N, C-alpha and C. Protein backbone atom coordinates (compact mmCIF):
# COMPACT_ATOMS: atom_id res chain seq x y z
N MET A 1 120.62 109.80 130.41
CA MET A 1 119.52 109.63 131.00
C MET A 1 119.99 109.68 132.57
N PRO A 2 118.52 110.51 133.15
CA PRO A 2 118.35 110.48 134.66
C PRO A 2 118.34 109.17 135.85
N ALA A 3 119.44 108.54 136.72
CA ALA A 3 119.71 107.34 137.43
C ALA A 3 117.80 107.20 137.40
N THR A 4 116.97 107.90 137.81
CA THR A 4 115.85 107.89 138.53
C THR A 4 114.98 107.55 136.97
N ALA A 5 114.48 108.11 136.59
CA ALA A 5 114.36 107.74 135.21
C ALA A 5 114.44 105.80 135.39
N MET A 6 115.55 105.56 135.12
CA MET A 6 116.26 104.24 134.40
C MET A 6 114.91 102.96 135.91
N PHE A 7 115.67 104.32 137.13
CA PHE A 7 114.88 103.11 138.24
C PHE A 7 113.45 102.81 137.51
N ARG A 8 112.10 104.04 137.62
CA ARG A 8 111.25 104.03 137.46
C ARG A 8 111.07 102.75 136.08
N LYS A 9 111.75 102.46 135.19
CA LYS A 9 111.33 101.99 134.26
C LYS A 9 111.55 100.51 134.24
N SER A 10 112.66 100.23 135.68
CA SER A 10 112.50 99.27 135.62
C SER A 10 111.84 98.53 136.48
N THR A 11 111.10 98.88 137.60
CA THR A 11 110.46 98.70 138.08
C THR A 11 109.15 98.32 138.27
N ILE A 12 108.87 99.71 137.64
CA ILE A 12 107.10 99.34 136.92
C ILE A 12 106.96 97.78 136.72
N PRO A 13 107.29 97.29 135.99
CA PRO A 13 107.33 95.94 135.53
C PRO A 13 106.82 94.96 136.32
N ILE A 14 108.02 95.00 136.85
CA ILE A 14 108.55 94.33 138.90
C ILE A 14 107.52 93.91 139.77
N VAL A 15 106.69 95.45 140.13
CA VAL A 15 105.50 96.19 140.12
C VAL A 15 104.40 95.31 139.94
N LEU A 16 104.23 95.40 138.67
CA LEU A 16 103.10 94.59 138.06
C LEU A 16 103.22 93.23 138.18
N VAL A 17 103.96 92.39 138.47
CA VAL A 17 103.98 91.25 138.32
C VAL A 17 103.83 90.94 139.88
N LEU A 18 104.75 91.95 140.94
CA LEU A 18 104.14 91.44 142.07
C LEU A 18 103.11 91.73 142.24
N GLY A 19 102.00 92.53 141.73
CA GLY A 19 100.24 92.58 142.27
C GLY A 19 99.71 91.52 141.29
N LEU A 20 100.57 90.92 140.14
CA LEU A 20 99.05 89.85 139.84
C LEU A 20 99.35 88.21 140.17
N ILE A 21 100.51 88.45 140.91
CA ILE A 21 100.97 87.33 141.56
C ILE A 21 99.96 87.28 143.03
N PHE A 22 100.81 88.53 143.43
CA PHE A 22 99.45 88.84 144.76
C PHE A 22 98.07 88.39 145.21
N ILE A 23 97.78 88.85 143.79
CA ILE A 23 96.14 88.96 143.78
C ILE A 23 95.53 87.68 142.89
N GLY A 24 96.20 87.11 142.39
CA GLY A 24 96.50 85.74 141.91
C GLY A 24 96.76 84.18 142.46
N PHE A 25 97.71 84.07 143.40
CA PHE A 25 97.86 83.73 144.19
C PHE A 25 98.34 82.92 145.21
N GLY A 26 98.60 84.87 146.17
CA GLY A 26 98.77 85.20 147.42
C GLY A 26 98.30 84.74 148.36
N ASP A 27 96.53 83.65 148.27
CA ASP A 27 95.98 83.25 149.68
C ASP A 27 96.89 82.38 149.35
N ARG A 28 97.82 81.34 148.55
CA ARG A 28 98.39 79.71 148.60
C ARG A 28 99.67 79.21 149.43
N PHE A 29 100.19 81.18 149.36
CA PHE A 29 101.60 81.20 150.37
C PHE A 29 101.71 81.95 150.99
N LEU A 30 101.47 83.29 150.89
CA LEU A 30 101.53 84.26 152.26
C LEU A 30 101.03 83.71 153.02
N PRO A 31 101.14 84.73 154.31
CA PRO A 31 100.92 84.12 155.89
C PRO A 31 99.64 84.83 156.09
N GLN A 32 98.47 84.86 156.79
CA GLN A 32 97.69 84.70 157.35
C GLN A 32 96.76 86.38 156.50
N PRO A 33 97.63 87.76 157.45
CA PRO A 33 96.57 88.89 156.78
C PRO A 33 96.85 88.70 155.59
N LEU A 34 97.92 88.67 155.25
CA LEU A 34 98.53 88.93 153.44
C LEU A 34 97.25 87.54 152.54
N SER A 35 97.36 86.88 153.25
CA SER A 35 96.86 85.54 151.82
C SER A 35 94.73 85.53 152.24
N SER A 36 93.97 86.28 153.39
CA SER A 36 93.06 87.07 153.71
C SER A 36 92.70 88.26 152.77
N ALA A 37 94.15 89.14 152.65
CA ALA A 37 93.51 90.40 151.64
C ALA A 37 93.99 90.53 150.07
N SER A 38 94.81 89.19 150.27
CA SER A 38 94.91 88.25 148.35
C SER A 38 93.55 88.04 147.96
N TYR A 39 92.53 86.70 149.04
CA TYR A 39 91.90 86.17 148.15
C TYR A 39 90.62 87.39 148.81
N ARG A 40 90.77 88.28 149.46
CA ARG A 40 89.39 89.82 148.85
C ARG A 40 89.94 90.79 147.98
N THR A 41 90.69 90.98 147.53
CA THR A 41 91.33 91.56 146.62
C THR A 41 90.88 90.90 144.81
N ARG A 42 91.13 89.80 145.20
CA ARG A 42 90.80 89.06 144.27
C ARG A 42 89.25 88.74 143.73
N THR A 43 88.20 88.48 144.75
CA THR A 43 87.00 88.61 144.85
C THR A 43 86.28 89.35 144.44
N THR A 44 86.64 90.58 145.04
CA THR A 44 86.00 92.20 144.20
C THR A 44 86.25 92.39 143.50
N ILE A 45 87.52 92.10 143.04
CA ILE A 45 87.58 92.09 141.33
C ILE A 45 87.09 91.95 140.84
N ASN A 46 86.93 90.38 141.30
CA ASN A 46 85.62 88.95 139.86
C ASN A 46 84.82 89.20 140.56
N GLN A 47 83.99 89.84 141.14
CA GLN A 47 82.77 90.77 141.16
C GLN A 47 82.34 91.63 140.71
N TRP A 48 83.69 92.65 140.46
CA TRP A 48 83.10 93.95 139.46
C TRP A 48 83.77 93.66 138.80
N MET A 49 84.37 92.65 137.51
CA MET A 49 84.05 92.31 136.55
C MET A 49 82.78 91.33 135.83
N MET A 50 82.32 90.58 136.92
CA MET A 50 81.15 90.00 136.48
C MET A 50 79.83 90.51 136.35
N ALA A 51 79.73 91.77 137.13
CA ALA A 51 78.60 92.47 137.26
C ALA A 51 78.54 93.55 135.82
N THR A 52 80.24 93.91 135.58
CA THR A 52 80.48 94.73 134.38
C THR A 52 79.85 94.42 133.42
N MET A 53 80.13 93.00 132.99
CA MET A 53 79.83 91.48 132.11
C MET A 53 78.50 91.58 131.58
N ARG A 54 77.23 91.32 133.01
CA ARG A 54 76.03 91.92 133.13
C ARG A 54 75.48 92.86 132.53
N LEU A 55 75.10 93.75 132.58
CA LEU A 55 75.62 94.97 132.65
C LEU A 55 75.45 96.31 131.15
N TRP A 56 76.23 94.60 130.73
CA TRP A 56 76.34 94.98 128.84
C TRP A 56 76.02 94.44 127.99
N GLN A 57 74.76 94.98 127.51
CA GLN A 57 73.81 94.14 125.87
C GLN A 57 74.31 94.63 125.25
N PRO A 58 74.26 93.20 124.09
CA PRO A 58 74.86 93.68 122.43
C PRO A 58 73.57 94.42 121.82
N LYS A 59 74.48 95.25 120.93
CA LYS A 59 73.14 95.90 120.64
C LYS A 59 72.49 95.88 119.27
N THR A 60 72.57 94.54 119.68
CA THR A 60 71.94 93.88 117.79
C THR A 60 71.74 92.00 118.12
N ASN A 61 71.27 91.78 117.15
CA ASN A 61 70.92 90.63 117.36
C ASN A 61 71.77 89.30 116.85
N PRO A 62 72.37 88.94 116.46
CA PRO A 62 73.54 87.77 116.23
C PRO A 62 73.15 87.35 115.33
N TYR A 63 72.26 86.63 115.77
CA TYR A 63 71.36 84.92 115.69
C TYR A 63 70.14 85.10 114.70
N ALA A 64 69.59 86.51 114.52
CA ALA A 64 68.57 86.72 113.96
C ALA A 64 68.01 85.92 113.12
N ARG A 65 69.57 86.38 111.69
CA ARG A 65 68.94 85.98 111.36
C ARG A 65 68.67 84.68 110.88
N THR A 66 69.37 83.84 111.42
CA THR A 66 69.74 82.30 111.79
C THR A 66 68.23 81.53 112.18
N GLU A 67 68.06 82.48 113.24
CA GLU A 67 66.64 82.11 114.40
C GLU A 67 65.72 81.57 113.22
N ARG A 68 65.40 82.68 112.13
CA ARG A 68 63.93 82.78 111.17
C ARG A 68 64.63 82.10 110.25
N ALA A 69 65.68 81.36 109.36
CA ALA A 69 65.55 81.15 108.09
C ALA A 69 65.15 79.78 109.44
N ILE A 70 65.21 78.98 110.08
CA ILE A 70 64.94 78.14 110.96
C ILE A 70 64.09 78.00 111.25
N GLU A 71 63.40 78.66 111.83
CA GLU A 71 61.67 79.08 111.60
C GLU A 71 60.33 78.91 110.24
N ARG A 72 61.77 79.01 109.89
CA ARG A 72 60.93 78.97 108.14
C ARG A 72 61.54 77.28 107.67
N GLU A 73 61.94 77.20 108.00
CA GLU A 73 62.63 75.64 107.32
C GLU A 73 61.43 74.80 108.39
N GLU A 74 61.09 74.91 109.71
CA GLU A 74 60.27 74.33 110.36
C GLU A 74 58.76 74.68 109.76
N LYS A 75 58.76 75.33 109.41
CA LYS A 75 57.54 75.92 109.40
C LYS A 75 56.95 75.42 107.22
N GLY A 76 57.32 75.06 107.00
CA GLY A 76 57.89 74.19 104.92
C GLY A 76 57.48 73.03 105.52
N LYS A 77 58.35 71.88 107.07
CA LYS A 77 58.16 70.22 107.10
C LYS A 77 56.36 69.93 107.21
């Protein structure tokens, strides 16, 4: 195995972990320019994820049968 391939395999997990630490906790312990960059990155990712979840609508109503059964029971009383 060439040395460069082994070097790449061992650095990918390290870079991913450092990236997650930077995004998740960097604003707590990094100096000011990096601290604000970490905060902005996390805020941007959070807003993007929230917008993505708001756009998603389920194709079916999973509670429709239960709601109809409750309405029938309430009308029967």
